């Protein structure tokens, strides 16, 4: 699982490195920052909806929560 997540992270970084100059040429720096800000807001929404709150839970309770959901 960790290797899969690391691979996805590398792919995302590669995509940003390759897309940034193209987007900057087409949209300008401000436009690129707006696109990345919108993607960040989508990521926050995704995490808010799909990931459970773990504040105040012990490690054992968190492990049980994720084992139950898997």
C-alpha atoms as a PDB file:
ATOM      1  CA  UNK A   1       0.000   0.000   0.000  1.00  0.00           C
ATOM      2  CA  UNK A   2       2.763   2.468   0.893  1.00  0.00           C
ATOM      3  CA  UNK A   3       4.497   1.821  -2.422  1.00  0.00           C
ATOM      4  CA  UNK A   4       1.261   2.538  -4.296  1.00  0.00           C
ATOM      5  CA  UNK A   5       0.760   5.821  -2.465  1.00  0.00           C
ATOM      6  CA  UNK A   6       4.393   6.806  -3.087  1.00  0.00           C
ATOM      7  CA  UNK A   7       3.949   6.025  -6.790  1.00  0.00           C
ATOM      8  CA  UNK A   8       0.807   8.161  -6.987  1.00  0.00           C
ATOM      9  CA  UNK A   9       2.667  10.976  -5.224  1.00  0.00           C
ATOM     10  CA  UNK A  10       5.486  10.762  -7.784  1.00  0.00           C
ATOM     11  CA  UNK A  11       2.956  10.804 -10.638  1.00  0.00           C
ATOM     12  CA  UNK A  12       1.205  13.851  -9.207  1.00  0.00           C
ATOM     13  CA  UNK A  13       4.514  15.674  -8.820  1.00  0.00           C
ATOM     14  CA  UNK A  14       5.496  14.750 -12.381  1.00  0.00           C
ATOM     15  CA  UNK A  15       2.151  16.020 -13.684  1.00  0.00           C
ATOM     16  CA  UNK A  16       2.601  19.350 -11.891  1.00  0.00           C
ATOM     17  CA  UNK A  17       6.157  19.739 -13.201  1.00  0.00           C
ATOM     18  CA  UNK A  18       5.048  19.011 -16.765  1.00  0.00           C
ATOM     19  CA  UNK A  19       1.804  21.018 -16.710  1.00  0.00           C
ATOM     20  CA  UNK A  20       2.991  24.159 -14.935  1.00  0.00           C
ATOM     21  CA  UNK A  21       4.909  25.694 -17.871  1.00  0.00           C
ATOM     22  CA  UNK A  22       2.122  24.877 -20.329  1.00  0.00           C
ATOM     23  CA  UNK A  23      -0.556  26.325 -18.065  1.00  0.00           C
ATOM     24  CA  UNK A  24       1.562  29.379 -17.273  1.00  0.00           C
ATOM     25  CA  UNK A  25       1.993  30.073 -20.983  1.00  0.00           C
ATOM     26  CA  UNK A  26      -1.746  29.727 -21.615  1.00  0.00           C
ATOM     27  CA  UNK A  27      -3.293  31.193 -18.471  1.00  0.00           C
ATOM     28  CA  UNK A  28      -0.557  33.334 -16.974  1.00  0.00           C
ATOM     29  CA  UNK A  29       0.832  32.891 -13.487  1.00  0.00           C
ATOM     30  CA  UNK A  30      -2.335  34.181 -11.801  1.00  0.00           C
ATOM     31  CA  UNK A  31      -4.511  31.761 -13.736  1.00  0.00           C
ATOM     32  CA  UNK A  32      -2.283  28.830 -12.830  1.00  0.00           C
ATOM     33  CA  UNK A  33      -2.439  29.770  -9.155  1.00  0.00           C
ATOM     34  CA  UNK A  34      -6.242  29.940  -9.357  1.00  0.00           C
ATOM     35  CA  UNK A  35      -6.351  26.474 -10.946  1.00  0.00           C
ATOM     36  CA  UNK A  36      -4.087  25.038  -8.246  1.00  0.00           C
ATOM     37  CA  UNK A  37      -6.100  26.796  -5.512  1.00  0.00           C
ATOM     38  CA  UNK A  38      -9.314  25.285  -6.906  1.00  0.00           C
ATOM     39  CA  UNK A  39      -7.709  21.830  -6.923  1.00  0.00           C
ATOM     40  CA  UNK A  40      -6.639  22.372  -3.327  1.00  0.00           C
ATOM     41  CA  UNK A  41     -10.198  23.279  -2.338  1.00  0.00           C
ATOM     42  CA  UNK A  42     -11.448  20.128  -4.045  1.00  0.00           C
ATOM     43  CA  UNK A  43      -8.880  18.126  -2.075  1.00  0.00           C
ATOM     44  CA  UNK A  44     -10.051  19.701   1.194  1.00  0.00           C
ATOM     45  CA  UNK A  45     -13.640  18.802   0.314  1.00  0.00           C
ATOM     46  CA  UNK A  46     -12.635  15.244  -0.518  1.00  0.00           C
ATOM     47  CA  UNK A  47     -10.793  14.811   2.785  1.00  0.00           C
ATOM     48  CA  UNK A  48     -13.660  16.380   4.729  1.00  0.00           C
ATOM     49  CA  UNK A  49     -16.214  14.028   3.183  1.00  0.00           C
ATOM     50  CA  UNK A  50     -14.301  10.752   2.922  1.00  0.00           C
ATOM     51  CA  UNK A  51     -11.920  10.707   5.905  1.00  0.00           C
ATOM     52  CA  UNK A  52     -13.232  10.216   9.434  1.00  0.00           C
ATOM     53  CA  UNK A  53     -12.428  12.617  12.256  1.00  0.00           C
ATOM     54  CA  UNK A  54      -9.762  11.159  14.569  1.00  0.00           C
ATOM     55  CA  UNK A  55      -9.319  14.069  16.987  1.00  0.00           C
ATOM     56  CA  UNK A  56      -9.470  12.891  20.572  1.00  0.00           C
ATOM     57  CA  UNK A  57      -9.283   9.187  19.689  1.00  0.00           C
ATOM     58  CA  UNK A  58      -6.611   6.843  20.952  1.00  0.00           C
ATOM     59  CA  UNK A  59      -4.369   4.967  18.541  1.00  0.00           C
ATOM     60  CA  UNK A  60      -6.311   1.779  19.236  1.00  0.00           C
ATOM     61  CA  UNK A  61      -9.633   3.478  18.487  1.00  0.00           C
ATOM     62  CA  UNK A  62      -8.256   4.897  15.235  1.00  0.00           C
ATOM     63  CA  UNK A  63      -6.930   1.479  14.203  1.00  0.00           C
ATOM     64  CA  UNK A  64     -10.316  -0.073  14.975  1.00  0.00           C
ATOM     65  CA  UNK A  65     -12.078   2.658  13.007  1.00  0.00           C
ATOM     66  CA  UNK A  66     -10.011   2.029   9.880  1.00  0.00           C
ATOM     67  CA  UNK A  67     -10.163  -1.757  10.251  1.00  0.00           C
ATOM     68  CA  UNK A  68     -13.947  -1.560  10.469  1.00  0.00           C
ATOM     69  CA  UNK A  69     -14.169   0.620   7.330  1.00  0.00           C
ATOM     70  CA  UNK A  70     -11.801  -1.557   5.293  1.00  0.00           C
END
